[in-house]
Amino acid sequence: MEHSQELKLEYPCHWEYKLILSTEHDVSLLVKEVLDEREHDLKPSQNSTKGNYSSHTLRILVHNDDDRKMLFHALKSHKHIKFVL
């Protein structure tokens, strides 16, 4: 069974990314490095059991599919961000 369904979104829309990174880094600074002056909302989510990692929800207005994917790849390729969901 194939699930190659394309995501149908009405743009512009708000999109959320879950960021996971080491607690030794300031997530606000990392996000600013990627987004520059772009308006966004960043909220802490959870810390790992041992407290080494933290997760945060980044909510941002995306203008089209390419914009959404570009942001995902820009966040994912940041050297201090471990995972982007």
C-alpha atoms as a PDB file:
ATOM      1  CA  MET A   1       0.000   0.000   0.000  1.00  0.00           C
ATOM      2  CA  GLU A   2       1.460   3.331  -1.047  1.00  0.00           C
ATOM      3  CA  HIS A   3       1.049   6.514   0.995  1.00  0.00           C
ATOM      4  CA  SER A   4       2.384   9.165  -1.344  1.00  0.00           C
ATOM      5  CA  GLN A   5      -0.295  11.636  -0.358  1.00  0.00           C
ATOM      6  CA  GLU A   6       0.748  15.209  -0.798  1.00  0.00           C
ATOM      7  CA  LEU A   7       0.114  17.627   2.022  1.00  0.00           C
ATOM      8  CA  LYS A   8      -2.712  19.997   1.057  1.00  0.00           C
ATOM      9  CA  LEU A   9      -2.236  23.332   2.795  1.00  0.00           C
ATOM     10  CA  GLU A  10      -3.737  26.740   2.260  1.00  0.00           C
ATOM     11  CA  TYR A  11      -0.898  29.255   2.200  1.00  0.00           C
ATOM     12  CA  PRO A  12       0.060  31.423   3.923  1.00  0.00           C
ATOM     13  CA  CYS A  13      -0.427  29.440   7.137  1.00  0.00           C
ATOM     14  CA  HIS A  14       1.232  28.942  10.496  1.00  0.00           C
ATOM     15  CA  TRP A  15       3.453  25.877  10.719  1.00  0.00           C
ATOM     16  CA  GLU A  16       5.057  24.290  13.758  1.00  0.00           C
ATOM     17  CA  TYR A  17       8.477  22.697  13.929  1.00  0.00           C
ATOM     18  CA  LYS A  18       9.663  20.731  16.940  1.00  0.00           C
ATOM     19  CA  LEU A  19      13.325  21.466  17.666  1.00  0.00           C
ATOM     20  CA  ILE A  20      15.495  19.220  19.825  1.00  0.00           C
ATOM     21  CA  LEU A  21      18.885  20.407  20.976  1.00  0.00           C
ATOM     22  CA  SER A  22      21.431  20.119  23.740  1.00  0.00           C
ATOM     23  CA  THR A  23      20.510  22.178  26.813  1.00  0.00           C
ATOM     24  CA  GLU A  24      23.955  23.813  26.682  1.00  0.00           C
ATOM     25  CA  HIS A  25      22.815  25.960  23.728  1.00  0.00           C
ATOM     26  CA  ASP A  26      20.472  28.951  23.795  1.00  0.00           C
ATOM     27  CA  VAL A  27      17.605  28.021  21.490  1.00  0.00           C
ATOM     28  CA  SER A  28      16.600  31.671  21.005  1.00  0.00           C
ATOM     29  CA  LEU A  29      20.022  32.534  19.590  1.00  0.00           C
ATOM     30  CA  LEU A  30      20.085  29.475  17.329  1.00  0.00           C
ATOM     31  CA  VAL A  31      16.642  30.218  15.915  1.00  0.00           C
ATOM     32  CA  LYS A  32      17.599  33.874  15.365  1.00  0.00           C
ATOM     33  CA  GLU A  33      20.685  32.724  13.416  1.00  0.00           C
ATOM     34  CA  VAL A  34      18.396  30.790  11.052  1.00  0.00           C
ATOM     35  CA  LEU A  35      15.381  33.116  10.888  1.00  0.00           C
ATOM     36  CA  ASP A  36      17.127  36.474  11.267  1.00  0.00           C
ATOM     37  CA  GLU A  37      14.372  39.071  11.805  1.00  0.00           C
ATOM     38  CA  ARG A  38      11.507  36.838  10.693  1.00  0.00           C
ATOM     39  CA  GLU A  39       8.614  36.893  13.159  1.00  0.00           C
ATOM     40  CA  HIS A  40       8.069  33.641  15.053  1.00  0.00           C
ATOM     41  CA  ASP A  41       6.856  32.181  18.320  1.00  0.00           C
ATOM     42  CA  LEU A  42       9.129  29.880  20.326  1.00  0.00           C
ATOM     43  CA  LYS A  43       7.924  27.879  23.318  1.00  0.00           C
ATOM     44  CA  PRO A  44       9.769  25.353  25.468  1.00  0.00           C
ATOM     45  CA  SER A  45       8.296  21.879  25.299  1.00  0.00           C
ATOM     46  CA  GLN A  46      10.143  19.248  27.342  1.00  0.00           C
ATOM     47  CA  ASN A  47      13.550  18.316  28.657  1.00  0.00           C
ATOM     48  CA  SER A  48      15.013  14.840  28.420  1.00  0.00           C
ATOM     49  CA  THR A  49      14.988  12.643  31.516  1.00  0.00           C
ATOM     50  CA  LYS A  50      18.644  13.374  32.288  1.00  0.00           C
ATOM     51  CA  GLY A  51      18.276  17.035  31.319  1.00  0.00           C
ATOM     52  CA  ASN A  52      20.820  16.912  28.485  1.00  0.00           C
ATOM     53  CA  TYR A  53      18.360  17.796  25.716  1.00  0.00           C
ATOM     54  CA  SER A  54      15.446  20.166  25.435  1.00  0.00           C
ATOM     55  CA  SER A  55      12.672  20.396  22.898  1.00  0.00           C
ATOM     56  CA  HIS A  56      10.941  23.552  21.741  1.00  0.00           C
ATOM     57  CA  THR A  57       8.014  24.335  19.493  1.00  0.00           C
ATOM     58  CA  LEU A  58       8.700  26.926  16.819  1.00  0.00           C
ATOM     59  CA  ARG A  59       5.595  28.436  15.220  1.00  0.00           C
ATOM     60  CA  ILE A  60       6.060  30.554  12.114  1.00  0.00           C
ATOM     61  CA  LEU A  61       4.064  31.861   9.180  1.00  0.00           C
ATOM     62  CA  VAL A  62       5.058  30.028   6.006  1.00  0.00           C
ATOM     63  CA  HIS A  63       4.196  31.514   2.637  1.00  0.00           C
ATOM     64  CA  ASN A  64       4.288  28.440   0.409  1.00  0.00           C
ATOM     65  CA  ASP A  65       5.498  24.858   0.223  1.00  0.00           C
ATOM     66  CA  ASP A  66       9.036  25.846  -0.765  1.00  0.00           C
ATOM     67  CA  ASP A  67       9.252  28.281   2.161  1.00  0.00           C
ATOM     68  CA  ARG A  68       8.095  25.571   4.606  1.00  0.00           C
ATOM     69  CA  LYS A  69      10.638  23.062   3.274  1.00  0.00           C
ATOM     70  CA  MET A  70      13.448  25.638   3.119  1.00  0.00           C
ATOM     71  CA  LEU A  71      12.904  26.498   6.803  1.00  0.00           C
ATOM     72  CA  PHE A  72      12.914  22.800   7.727  1.00  0.00           C
ATOM     73  CA  HIS A  73      16.232  22.241   5.937  1.00  0.00           C
ATOM     74  CA  ALA A  74      17.790  25.442   7.313  1.00  0.00           C
ATOM     75  CA  LEU A  75      16.863  24.447  10.877  1.00  0.00           C
ATOM     76  CA  LYS A  76      17.924  20.829  10.351  1.00  0.00           C
ATOM     77  CA  SER A  77      21.317  21.824   8.972  1.00  0.00           C
ATOM     78  CA  HIS A  78      22.187  24.070  11.942  1.00  0.00           C
ATOM     79  CA  LYS A  79      25.145  22.469  13.713  1.00  0.00           C
ATOM     80  CA  HIS A  80      23.619  22.730  17.218  1.00  0.00           C
ATOM     81  CA  ILE A  81      20.066  21.589  16.421  1.00  0.00           C
ATOM     82  CA  LYS A  82      19.990  17.799  16.798  1.00  0.00           C
ATOM     83  CA  PHE A  83      16.535  17.058  15.341  1.00  0.00           C
ATOM     84  CA  VAL A  84      13.705  18.884  13.600  1.00  0.00           C
ATOM     85  CA  LEU A  85      10.269  17.311  13.432  1.00  0.00           C
END
